[in-house]
Amino acid sequence: MHHDCFPVPLNKMGAKFTFWEPDIVRYANRRGVEIVPSKHNHPAGAYGYRIMEEGKTLVYCTEVEYGDKIDPNVVALSKNADLLIHDAQYTPNAFLAREGTVIEL
């Protein structure tokens, strides 16, 4: 939700937010939920998350900009996941016109 890419400032969203900085390797809580962050390629910076609980794994990895090759961090994060949430916003031709840019709204 970087201000260069997201149209609504956080203070206008009508909710109270608590943020977790993904500069640590791993997070686990008392209920057994474990979250592993992984930085991937994006001009404004982006993270994917591997969320594990009770033997199931969900990977949430959006805003990936691959360029000429698949990001090995995304592959490692997603390996053997039960469910992967991933996006692909552009067709290959549209991506060539947008590669490396941050969308200004």
PDB file of N, CA and C in Angstrom:
ATOM      1  N   MET A   1       0.824  -1.187   0.000  1.00  0.00           N
ATOM      2  CA  MET A   1       0.000   0.000   0.000  1.00  0.00           C
ATOM      3  C   MET A   1       0.872   1.256   0.000  1.00  0.00           C
ATOM      4  N   HIS A   2       1.951   1.172  -0.741  1.00  0.00           N
ATOM      5  CA  HIS A   2       2.853   2.315  -0.886  1.00  0.00           C
ATOM      6  C   HIS A   2       2.092   3.454  -1.554  1.00  0.00           C
ATOM      7  N   HIS A   3       2.338   4.683  -1.124  1.00  0.00           N
ATOM      8  CA  HIS A   3       1.563   5.820  -1.625  1.00  0.00           C
ATOM      9  C   HIS A   3       1.706   6.027  -3.134  1.00  0.00           C
ATOM     10  N   ASP A   4       2.801   5.543  -3.747  1.00  0.00           N
ATOM     11  CA  ASP A   4       2.949   5.675  -5.197  1.00  0.00           C
ATOM     12  C   ASP A   4       2.049   4.707  -5.963  1.00  0.00           C
ATOM     13  N   CYS A   5       1.607   3.647  -5.305  1.00  0.00           N
ATOM     14  CA  CYS A   5       0.855   2.591  -5.997  1.00  0.00           C
ATOM     15  C   CYS A   5      -0.578   2.428  -5.521  1.00  0.00           C
ATOM     16  N   PHE A   6      -0.919   2.990  -4.376  1.00  0.00           N
ATOM     17  CA  PHE A   6      -2.224   2.714  -3.787  1.00  0.00           C
ATOM     18  C   PHE A   6      -3.000   4.007  -3.634  1.00  0.00           C
ATOM     19  N   PRO A   7      -4.246   4.062  -4.089  1.00  0.00           N
ATOM     20  CA  PRO A   7      -4.974   5.329  -4.168  1.00  0.00           C
ATOM     21  C   PRO A   7      -5.535   5.871  -2.853  1.00  0.00           C
ATOM     22  N   VAL A   8      -5.600   5.072  -1.803  1.00  0.00           N
ATOM     23  CA  VAL A   8      -6.249   5.516  -0.572  1.00  0.00           C
ATOM     24  C   VAL A   8      -5.215   5.580   0.562  1.00  0.00           C
ATOM     25  N   PRO A   9      -5.029   6.742   1.187  1.00  0.00           N
ATOM     26  CA  PRO A   9      -4.117   6.811   2.332  1.00  0.00           C
ATOM     27  C   PRO A   9      -4.652   5.961   3.489  1.00  0.00           C
ATOM     28  N   LEU A  10      -3.761   5.378   4.255  1.00  0.00           N
ATOM     29  CA  LEU A  10      -4.165   4.499   5.356  1.00  0.00           C
ATOM     30  C   LEU A  10      -5.075   5.201   6.356  1.00  0.00           C
ATOM     31  N   ASN A  11      -4.832   6.487   6.618  1.00  0.00           N
ATOM     32  CA  ASN A  11      -5.651   7.196   7.599  1.00  0.00           C
ATOM     33  C   ASN A  11      -7.060   7.499   7.092  1.00  0.00           C
ATOM     34  N   LYS A  12      -7.349   7.187   5.832  1.00  0.00           N
ATOM     35  CA  LYS A  12      -8.688   7.392   5.265  1.00  0.00           C
ATOM     36  C   LYS A  12      -9.450   6.080   5.096  1.00  0.00           C
ATOM     37  N   MET A  13      -8.905   4.969   5.551  1.00  0.00           N
ATOM     38  CA  MET A  13      -9.527   3.665   5.321  1.00  0.00           C
ATOM     39  C   MET A  13     -10.562   3.296   6.371  1.00  0.00           C
ATOM     40  N   GLY A  14     -10.632   3.996   7.473  1.00  0.00           N
ATOM     41  CA  GLY A  14     -11.648   3.719   8.476  1.00  0.00           C
ATOM     42  C   GLY A  14     -11.391   2.468   9.290  1.00  0.00           C
ATOM     43  N   ALA A  15     -10.139   2.082   9.452  1.00  0.00           N
ATOM     44  CA  ALA A  15      -9.796   0.890  10.232  1.00  0.00           C
ATOM     45  C   ALA A  15      -8.523   1.163  11.028  1.00  0.00           C
ATOM     46  N   LYS A  16      -8.342   0.394  12.068  1.00  0.00           N
ATOM     47  CA  LYS A  16      -7.107   0.474  12.850  1.00  0.00           C
ATOM     48  C   LYS A  16      -6.177  -0.629  12.352  1.00  0.00           C
ATOM     49  N   PHE A  17      -4.967  -0.283  11.966  1.00  0.00           N
ATOM     50  CA  PHE A  17      -4.019  -1.242  11.416  1.00  0.00           C
ATOM     51  C   PHE A  17      -2.886  -1.507  12.389  1.00  0.00           C
ATOM     52  N   THR A  18      -2.426  -2.737  12.396  1.00  0.00           N
ATOM     53  CA  THR A  18      -1.208  -3.121  13.097  1.00  0.00           C
ATOM     54  C   THR A  18      -0.307  -3.747  12.049  1.00  0.00           C
ATOM     55  N   PHE A  19       0.906  -3.248  11.916  1.00  0.00           N
ATOM     56  CA  PHE A  19       1.809  -3.732  10.888  1.00  0.00           C
ATOM     57  C   PHE A  19       2.912  -4.577  11.492  1.00  0.00           C
ATOM     58  N   TRP A  20       3.297  -5.577  10.735  1.00  0.00           N
ATOM     59  CA  TRP A  20       4.405  -6.456  11.091  1.00  0.00           C
ATOM     60  C   TRP A  20       5.479  -6.255  10.049  1.00  0.00           C
ATOM     61  N   GLU A  21       6.673  -5.880  10.485  1.00  0.00           N
ATOM     62  CA  GLU A  21       7.783  -5.662   9.571  1.00  0.00           C
ATOM     63  C   GLU A  21       8.414  -7.000   9.205  1.00  0.00           C
ATOM     64  N   PRO A  22       8.476  -7.351   7.927  1.00  0.00           N
ATOM     65  CA  PRO A  22       8.986  -8.668   7.535  1.00  0.00           C
ATOM     66  C   PRO A  22      10.501  -8.755   7.446  1.00  0.00           C
ATOM     67  N   ASP A  23      11.213  -7.976   8.243  1.00  0.00           N
ATOM     68  CA  ASP A  23      12.668  -8.058   8.214  1.00  0.00           C
ATOM     69  C   ASP A  23      13.190  -9.198   9.090  1.00  0.00           C
ATOM     70  N   ILE A  24      12.295  -9.875   9.804  1.00  0.00           N
ATOM     71  CA  ILE A  24      12.717 -11.041  10.565  1.00  0.00           C
ATOM     72  C   ILE A  24      12.503 -12.278   9.698  1.00  0.00           C
ATOM     73  N   VAL A  25      13.185 -13.336   9.997  1.00  0.00           N
ATOM     74  CA  VAL A  25      13.126 -14.527   9.163  1.00  0.00           C
ATOM     75  C   VAL A  25      11.811 -15.264   9.309  1.00  0.00           C
ATOM     76  N   ARG A  26      11.280 -15.336  10.506  1.00  0.00           N
ATOM     77  CA  ARG A  26      10.124 -16.167  10.778  1.00  0.00           C
ATOM     78  C   ARG A  26       9.312 -15.588  11.929  1.00  0.00           C
ATOM     79  N   TYR A  27       8.032 -15.825  11.913  1.00  0.00           N
ATOM     80  CA  TYR A  27       7.164 -15.419  13.018  1.00  0.00           C
ATOM     81  C   TYR A  27       6.305 -16.618  13.378  1.00  0.00           C
ATOM     82  N   ALA A  28       6.169 -16.889  14.654  1.00  0.00           N
ATOM     83  CA  ALA A  28       5.266 -17.956  15.112  1.00  0.00           C
ATOM     84  C   ALA A  28       4.512 -17.447  16.326  1.00  0.00           C
ATOM     85  N   ASN A  29       3.234 -17.766  16.410  1.00  0.00           N
ATOM     86  CA  ASN A  29       2.466 -17.353  17.590  1.00  0.00           C
ATOM     87  C   ASN A  29       2.127 -18.560  18.453  1.00  0.00           C
ATOM     88  N   ARG A  30       1.485 -18.305  19.547  1.00  0.00           N
ATOM     89  CA  ARG A  30       1.154 -19.369  20.509  1.00  0.00           C
ATOM     90  C   ARG A  30       0.176 -20.395  19.970  1.00  0.00           C
ATOM     91  N   ARG A  31      -0.617 -20.033  18.980  1.00  0.00           N
ATOM     92  CA  ARG A  31      -1.597 -20.966  18.415  1.00  0.00           C
ATOM     93  C   ARG A  31      -0.989 -21.880  17.358  1.00  0.00           C
ATOM     94  N   GLY A  32       0.293 -21.730  17.086  1.00  0.00           N
ATOM     95  CA  GLY A  32       0.950 -22.599  16.117  1.00  0.00           C
ATOM     96  C   GLY A  32       0.936 -22.094  14.690  1.00  0.00           C
ATOM     97  N   VAL A  33       0.570 -20.846  14.485  1.00  0.00           N
ATOM     98  CA  VAL A  33       0.628 -20.269  13.147  1.00  0.00           C
ATOM     99  C   VAL A  33       2.057 -19.774  12.924  1.00  0.00           C
ATOM    100  N   GLU A  34       2.617 -20.163  11.789  1.00  0.00           N
ATOM    101  CA  GLU A  34       3.969 -19.738  11.447  1.00  0.00           C
ATOM    102  C   GLU A  34       3.924 -18.992  10.121  1.00  0.00           C
ATOM    103  N   ILE A  35       4.597 -17.836  10.061  1.00  0.00           N
ATOM    104  CA  ILE A  35       4.616 -17.008   8.858  1.00  0.00           C
ATOM    105  C   ILE A  35       6.070 -16.786   8.454  1.00  0.00           C
ATOM    106  N   VAL A  36       6.364 -17.077   7.195  1.00  0.00           N
ATOM    107  CA  VAL A  36       7.708 -16.879   6.655  1.00  0.00           C
ATOM    108  C   VAL A  36       7.605 -15.849   5.530  1.00  0.00           C
ATOM    109  N   PRO A  37       8.250 -14.689   5.668  1.00  0.00           N
ATOM    110  CA  PRO A  37       8.230 -13.694   4.596  1.00  0.00           C
ATOM    111  C   PRO A  37       9.353 -13.957   3.594  1.00  0.00           C
ATOM    112  N   SER A  38       9.152 -13.503   2.366  1.00  0.00           N
ATOM    113  CA  SER A  38      10.180 -13.618   1.337  1.00  0.00           C
ATOM    114  C   SER A  38      10.049 -12.443   0.382  1.00  0.00           C
ATOM    115  N   LYS A  39      11.114 -11.665   0.258  1.00  0.00           N
ATOM    116  CA  LYS A  39      11.096 -10.523  -0.655  1.00  0.00           C
ATOM    117  C   LYS A  39      11.218 -11.028  -2.088  1.00  0.00           C
ATOM    118  N   HIS A  40      10.455 -10.398  -2.998  1.00  0.00           N
ATOM    119  CA  HIS A  40      10.554 -10.756  -4.409  1.00  0.00           C
ATOM    120  C   HIS A  40      10.636  -9.507  -5.266  1.00  0.00           C
ATOM    121  N   ASN A  41      10.862  -9.728  -6.544  1.00  0.00           N
ATOM    122  CA  ASN A  41      11.130  -8.638  -7.470  1.00  0.00           C
ATOM    123  C   ASN A  41       9.878  -7.796  -7.748  1.00  0.00           C
ATOM    124  N   HIS A  42      10.005  -6.505  -7.467  1.00  0.00           N
ATOM    125  CA  HIS A  42       8.984  -5.513  -7.799  1.00  0.00           C
ATOM    126  C   HIS A  42       9.644  -4.146  -7.683  1.00  0.00           C
ATOM    127  N   PRO A  43       9.365  -3.213  -8.601  1.00  0.00           N
ATOM    128  CA  PRO A  43      10.031  -1.903  -8.552  1.00  0.00           C
ATOM    129  C   PRO A  43       9.849  -1.144  -7.238  1.00  0.00           C
ATOM    130  N   ALA A  44       8.706  -1.293  -6.584  1.00  0.00           N
ATOM    131  CA  ALA A  44       8.460  -0.593  -5.319  1.00  0.00           C
ATOM    132  C   ALA A  44       8.777  -1.471  -4.108  1.00  0.00           C
ATOM    133  N   GLY A  45       9.250  -2.714  -4.350  1.00  0.00           N
ATOM    134  CA  GLY A  45       9.513  -3.658  -3.261  1.00  0.00           C
ATOM    135  C   GLY A  45       8.237  -4.397  -2.903  1.00  0.00           C
ATOM    136  N   ALA A  46       8.342  -5.689  -2.678  1.00  0.00           N
ATOM    137  CA  ALA A  46       7.163  -6.479  -2.321  1.00  0.00           C
ATOM    138  C   ALA A  46       7.600  -7.759  -1.616  1.00  0.00           C
ATOM    139  N   TYR A  47       6.699  -8.302  -0.824  1.00  0.00           N
ATOM    140  CA  TYR A  47       6.937  -9.543  -0.092  1.00  0.00           C
ATOM    141  C   TYR A  47       5.835 -10.538  -0.378  1.00  0.00           C
ATOM    142  N   GLY A  48       6.207 -11.805  -0.345  1.00  0.00           N
ATOM    143  CA  GLY A  48       5.249 -12.900  -0.336  1.00  0.00           C
ATOM    144  C   GLY A  48       5.317 -13.529   1.047  1.00  0.00           C
ATOM    145  N   TYR A  49       4.293 -14.281   1.410  1.00  0.00           N
ATOM    146  CA  TYR A  49       4.228 -14.874   2.751  1.00  0.00           C
ATOM    147  C   TYR A  49       3.816 -16.336   2.665  1.00  0.00           C
ATOM    148  N   ARG A  50       4.520 -17.174   3.384  1.00  0.00           N
ATOM    149  CA  ARG A  50       4.176 -18.590   3.535  1.00  0.00           C
ATOM    150  C   ARG A  50       3.571 -18.728   4.921  1.00  0.00           C
ATOM    151  N   ILE A  51       2.296 -19.085   4.983  1.00  0.00           N
ATOM    152  CA  ILE A  51       1.555 -19.159   6.243  1.00  0.00           C
ATOM    153  C   ILE A  51       1.232 -20.627   6.513  1.00  0.00           C
ATOM    154  N   MET A  52       1.693 -21.129   7.646  1.00  0.00           N
ATOM    155  CA  MET A  52       1.524 -22.554   7.972  1.00  0.00           C
ATOM    156  C   MET A  52       0.776 -22.704   9.289  1.00  0.00           C
ATOM    157  N   GLU A  53      -0.208 -23.619   9.282  1.00  0.00           N
ATOM    158  CA  GLU A  53      -0.971 -23.924  10.485  1.00  0.00           C
ATOM    159  C   GLU A  53      -1.563 -25.320  10.341  1.00  0.00           C
ATOM    160  N   GLU A  54      -1.439 -26.112  11.380  1.00  0.00           N
ATOM    161  CA  GLU A  54      -2.030 -27.448  11.452  1.00  0.00           C
ATOM    162  C   GLU A  54      -1.731 -28.291  10.209  1.00  0.00           C
ATOM    163  N   GLY A  55      -0.489 -28.280   9.758  1.00  0.00           N
ATOM    164  CA  GLY A  55      -0.071 -29.120   8.644  1.00  0.00           C
ATOM    165  C   GLY A  55      -0.481 -28.630   7.266  1.00  0.00           C
ATOM    166  N   LYS A  56      -1.085 -27.448   7.176  1.00  0.00           N
ATOM    167  CA  LYS A  56      -1.492 -26.870   5.891  1.00  0.00           C
ATOM    168  C   LYS A  56      -0.670 -25.615   5.621  1.00  0.00           C
ATOM    169  N   THR A  57      -0.420 -25.372   4.340  1.00  0.00           N
ATOM    170  CA  THR A  57       0.398 -24.218   3.951  1.00  0.00           C
ATOM    171  C   THR A  57      -0.297 -23.408   2.876  1.00  0.00           C
ATOM    172  N   LEU A  58      -0.422 -22.108   3.138  1.00  0.00           N
ATOM    173  CA  LEU A  58      -0.948 -21.137   2.191  1.00  0.00           C
ATOM    174  C   LEU A  58       0.192 -20.189   1.834  1.00  0.00           C
ATOM    175  N   VAL A  59       0.380 -19.927   0.550  1.00  0.00           N
ATOM    176  CA  VAL A  59       1.364 -18.934   0.116  1.00  0.00           C
ATOM    177  C   VAL A  59       0.599 -17.803  -0.558  1.00  0.00           C
ATOM    178  N   TYR A  60       0.845 -16.595  -0.073  1.00  0.00           N
ATOM    179  CA  TYR A  60       0.231 -15.385  -0.627  1.00  0.00           C
ATOM    180  C   TYR A  60       1.371 -14.578  -1.229  1.00  0.00           C
ATOM    181  N   CYS A  61       1.396 -14.505  -2.558  1.00  0.00           N
ATOM    182  CA  CYS A  61       2.523 -13.868  -3.230  1.00  0.00           C
ATOM    183  C   CYS A  61       2.004 -13.087  -4.429  1.00  0.00           C
ATOM    184  N   THR A  62       1.823 -11.791  -4.245  1.00  0.00           N
ATOM    185  CA  THR A  62       1.289 -10.940  -5.306  1.00  0.00           C
ATOM    186  C   THR A  62       2.275  -9.827  -5.622  1.00  0.00           C
ATOM    187  N   GLU A  63       1.979  -9.084  -6.661  1.00  0.00           N
ATOM    188  CA  GLU A  63       2.824  -7.977  -7.111  1.00  0.00           C
ATOM    189  C   GLU A  63       4.220  -8.436  -7.530  1.00  0.00           C
ATOM    190  N   VAL A  64       4.296  -9.594  -8.158  1.00  0.00           N
ATOM    191  CA  VAL A  64       5.575 -10.120  -8.628  1.00  0.00           C
ATOM    192  C   VAL A  64       5.844  -9.593 -10.031  1.00  0.00           C
ATOM    193  N   GLU A  65       7.052  -9.084 -10.248  1.00  0.00           N
ATOM    194  CA  GLU A  65       7.457  -8.674 -11.590  1.00  0.00           C
ATOM    195  C   GLU A  65       8.605  -9.585 -12.008  1.00  0.00           C
ATOM    196  N   TYR A  66       8.315 -10.531 -12.878  1.00  0.00           N
ATOM    197  CA  TYR A  66       9.307 -11.535 -13.245  1.00  0.00           C
ATOM    198  C   TYR A  66      10.351 -11.054 -14.237  1.00  0.00           C
ATOM    199  N   GLY A  67       9.994 -10.283 -15.223  1.00  0.00           N
ATOM    200  CA  GLY A  67      10.956  -9.907 -16.248  1.00  0.00           C
ATOM    201  C   GLY A  67      11.279 -11.096 -17.131  1.00  0.00           C
ATOM    202  N   ASP A  68      12.579 -11.355 -17.353  1.00  0.00           N
ATOM    203  CA  ASP A  68      13.012 -12.424 -18.256  1.00  0.00           C
ATOM    204  C   ASP A  68      13.049 -13.801 -17.620  1.00  0.00           C
ATOM    205  N   LYS A  69      12.963 -13.882 -16.292  1.00  0.00           N
ATOM    206  CA  LYS A  69      13.056 -15.192 -15.644  1.00  0.00           C
ATOM    207  C   LYS A  69      12.185 -15.227 -14.402  1.00  0.00           C
ATOM    208  N   ILE A  70      11.850 -16.420 -13.990  1.00  0.00           N
ATOM    209  CA  ILE A  70      11.038 -16.611 -12.789  1.00  0.00           C
ATOM    210  C   ILE A  70      11.900 -16.351 -11.562  1.00  0.00           C
ATOM    211  N   ASP A  71      11.357 -15.635 -10.599  1.00  0.00           N
ATOM    212  CA  ASP A  71      12.079 -15.290  -9.372  1.00  0.00           C
ATOM    213  C   ASP A  71      12.255 -16.550  -8.519  1.00  0.00           C
ATOM    214  N   PRO A  72      13.499 -16.964  -8.244  1.00  0.00           N
ATOM    215  CA  PRO A  72      13.710 -18.174  -7.440  1.00  0.00           C
ATOM    216  C   PRO A  72      13.180 -18.050  -6.010  1.00  0.00           C
ATOM    217  N   ASN A  73      13.054 -16.839  -5.488  1.00  0.00           N
ATOM    218  CA  ASN A  73      12.478 -16.659  -4.147  1.00  0.00           C
ATOM    219  C   ASN A  73      11.005 -17.065  -4.132  1.00  0.00           C
ATOM    220  N   VAL A  74      10.283 -16.768  -5.195  1.00  0.00           N
ATOM    221  CA  VAL A  74       8.868 -17.133  -5.288  1.00  0.00           C
ATOM    222  C   VAL A  74       8.728 -18.650  -5.406  1.00  0.00           C
ATOM    223  N   VAL A  75       9.604 -19.267  -6.187  1.00  0.00           N
ATOM    224  CA  VAL A  75       9.565 -20.726  -6.340  1.00  0.00           C
ATOM    225  C   VAL A  75       9.817 -21.404  -4.998  1.00  0.00           C
ATOM    226  N   ALA A  76      10.861 -20.955  -4.282  1.00  0.00           N
ATOM    227  CA  ALA A  76      11.195 -21.559  -2.984  1.00  0.00           C
ATOM    228  C   ALA A  76      10.065 -21.353  -1.974  1.00  0.00           C
ATOM    229  N   LEU A  77       9.489 -20.160  -1.951  1.00  0.00           N
ATOM    230  CA  LEU A  77       8.407 -19.864  -1.021  1.00  0.00           C
ATOM    231  C   LEU A  77       7.183 -20.739  -1.294  1.00  0.00           C
ATOM    232  N   SER A  78       6.924 -21.022  -2.555  1.00  0.00           N
ATOM    233  CA  SER A  78       5.707 -21.723  -2.962  1.00  0.00           C
ATOM    234  C   SER A  78       5.828 -23.249  -2.972  1.00  0.00           C
ATOM    235  N   LYS A  79       7.028 -23.758  -2.863  1.00  0.00           N
ATOM    236  CA  LYS A  79       7.243 -25.205  -2.995  1.00  0.00           C
ATOM    237  C   LYS A  79       6.395 -25.993  -1.994  1.00  0.00           C
ATOM    238  N   ASN A  80       5.663 -26.975  -2.512  1.00  0.00           N
ATOM    239  CA  ASN A  80       4.826 -27.893  -1.724  1.00  0.00           C
ATOM    240  C   ASN A  80       3.702 -27.221  -0.941  1.00  0.00           C
ATOM    241  N   ALA A  81       3.305 -26.010  -1.326  1.00  0.00           N
ATOM    242  CA  ALA A  81       2.184 -25.343  -0.656  1.00  0.00           C
ATOM    243  C   ALA A  81       0.874 -26.031  -1.028  1.00  0.00           C
ATOM    244  N   ASP A  82      -0.082 -26.007  -0.116  1.00  0.00           N
ATOM    245  CA  ASP A  82      -1.410 -26.532  -0.395  1.00  0.00           C
ATOM    246  C   ASP A  82      -2.205 -25.585  -1.282  1.00  0.00           C
ATOM    247  N   LEU A  83      -1.963 -24.292  -1.130  1.00  0.00           N
ATOM    248  CA  LEU A  83      -2.667 -23.291  -1.919  1.00  0.00           C
ATOM    249  C   LEU A  83      -1.724 -22.123  -2.171  1.00  0.00           C
ATOM    250  N   LEU A  84      -1.681 -21.667  -3.419  1.00  0.00           N
ATOM    251  CA  LEU A  84      -0.886 -20.499  -3.802  1.00  0.00           C
ATOM    252  C   LEU A  84      -1.821 -19.426  -4.324  1.00  0.00           C
ATOM    253  N   ILE A  85      -1.756 -18.242  -3.733  1.00  0.00           N
ATOM    254  CA  ILE A  85      -2.483 -17.077  -4.230  1.00  0.00           C
ATOM    255  C   ILE A  85      -1.451 -16.193  -4.905  1.00  0.00           C
ATOM    256  N   HIS A  86      -1.614 -15.983  -6.209  1.00  0.00           N
ATOM    257  CA  HIS A  86      -0.615 -15.307  -7.028  1.00  0.00           C
ATOM    258  C   HIS A  86      -1.362 -14.481  -8.060  1.00  0.00           C
ATOM    259  N   ASP A  87      -0.780 -13.411  -8.525  1.00  0.00           N
ATOM    260  CA  ASP A  87      -1.465 -12.622  -9.536  1.00  0.00           C
ATOM    261  C   ASP A  87      -0.636 -12.523 -10.804  1.00  0.00           C
ATOM    262  N   ALA A  88      -1.314 -12.213 -11.874  1.00  0.00           N
ATOM    263  CA  ALA A  88      -0.690 -11.967 -13.167  1.00  0.00           C
ATOM    264  C   ALA A  88      -1.512 -10.869 -13.826  1.00  0.00           C
ATOM    265  N   GLN A  89      -1.099  -9.641 -13.640  1.00  0.00           N
ATOM    266  CA  GLN A  89      -1.912  -8.505 -14.075  1.00  0.00           C
ATOM    267  C   GLN A  89      -1.853  -8.261 -15.573  1.00  0.00           C
ATOM    268  N   TYR A  90      -0.697  -8.466 -16.186  1.00  0.00           N
ATOM    269  CA  TYR A  90      -0.530  -8.076 -17.574  1.00  0.00           C
ATOM    270  C   TYR A  90      -0.346  -9.270 -18.501  1.00  0.00           C
ATOM    271  N   THR A  91      -0.794  -9.117 -19.745  1.00  0.00           N
ATOM    272  CA  THR A  91      -0.423 -10.069 -20.793  1.00  0.00           C
ATOM    273  C   THR A  91       1.059  -9.845 -21.087  1.00  0.00           C
ATOM    274  N   PRO A  92       1.745 -10.800 -21.739  1.00  0.00           N
ATOM    275  CA  PRO A  92       3.167 -10.592 -22.039  1.00  0.00           C
ATOM    276  C   PRO A  92       3.443  -9.303 -22.810  1.00  0.00           C
ATOM    277  N   ASN A  93       2.616  -8.951 -23.782  1.00  0.00           N
ATOM    278  CA  ASN A  93       2.831  -7.720 -24.546  1.00  0.00           C
ATOM    279  C   ASN A  93       2.598  -6.473 -23.708  1.00  0.00           C
ATOM    280  N   ALA A  94       1.578  -6.478 -22.894  1.00  0.00           N
ATOM    281  CA  ALA A  94       1.309  -5.315 -22.029  1.00  0.00           C
ATOM    282  C   ALA A  94       2.412  -5.152 -21.002  1.00  0.00           C
ATOM    283  N   PHE A  95       2.959  -6.272 -20.521  1.00  0.00           N
ATOM    284  CA  PHE A  95       4.030  -6.204 -19.531  1.00  0.00           C
ATOM    285  C   PHE A  95       5.252  -5.482 -20.093  1.00  0.00           C
ATOM    286  N   LEU A  96       5.584  -5.711 -21.355  1.00  0.00           N
ATOM    287  CA  LEU A  96       6.763  -5.070 -21.951  1.00  0.00           C
ATOM    288  C   LEU A  96       6.677  -3.551 -21.864  1.00  0.00           C
ATOM    289  N   ALA A  97       5.474  -3.006 -21.966  1.00  0.00           N
ATOM    290  CA  ALA A  97       5.301  -1.549 -21.870  1.00  0.00           C
ATOM    291  C   ALA A  97       5.345  -1.061 -20.421  1.00  0.00           C
ATOM    292  N   ARG A  98       5.099  -1.935 -19.447  1.00  0.00           N
ATOM    293  CA  ARG A  98       5.018  -1.528 -18.036  1.00  0.00           C
ATOM    294  C   ARG A  98       6.234  -1.956 -17.198  1.00  0.00           C
ATOM    295  N   GLU A  99       7.064  -2.855 -17.690  1.00  0.00           N
ATOM    296  CA  GLU A  99       8.151  -3.447 -16.913  1.00  0.00           C
ATOM    297  C   GLU A  99       8.995  -2.384 -16.219  1.00  0.00           C
ATOM    298  N   GLY A 100       9.204  -2.572 -14.925  1.00  0.00           N
ATOM    299  CA  GLY A 100      10.058  -1.696 -14.131  1.00  0.00           C
ATOM    300  C   GLY A 100       9.423  -0.383 -13.721  1.00  0.00           C
ATOM    301  N   THR A 101       8.152  -0.202 -13.976  1.00  0.00           N
ATOM    302  CA  THR A 101       7.493   1.057 -13.632  1.00  0.00           C
ATOM    303  C   THR A 101       6.630   0.890 -12.389  1.00  0.00           C
ATOM    304  N   VAL A 102       6.460   1.977 -11.700  1.00  0.00           N
ATOM    305  CA  VAL A 102       5.536   2.039 -10.572  1.00  0.00           C
ATOM    306  C   VAL A 102       4.330   2.819 -11.056  1.00  0.00           C
ATOM    307  N   ILE A 103       3.154   2.261 -10.903  1.00  0.00           N
ATOM    308  CA  ILE A 103       1.934   2.900 -11.385  1.00  0.00           C
ATOM    309  C   ILE A 103       1.606   4.100 -10.522  1.00  0.00           C
ATOM    310  N   GLU A 104       1.438   5.231 -11.125  1.00  0.00           N
ATOM    311  CA  GLU A 104       1.028   6.449 -10.437  1.00  0.00           C
ATOM    312  C   GLU A 104      -0.471   6.605 -10.566  1.00  0.00           C
ATOM    313  N   LEU A 105      -1.157   6.751  -9.445  1.00  0.00           N
ATOM    314  CA  LEU A 105      -2.619   6.933  -9.495  1.00  0.00           C
ATOM    315  C   LEU A 105      -2.985   8.345  -9.123  1.00  0.00           C
TER     316      LEU A 105
END
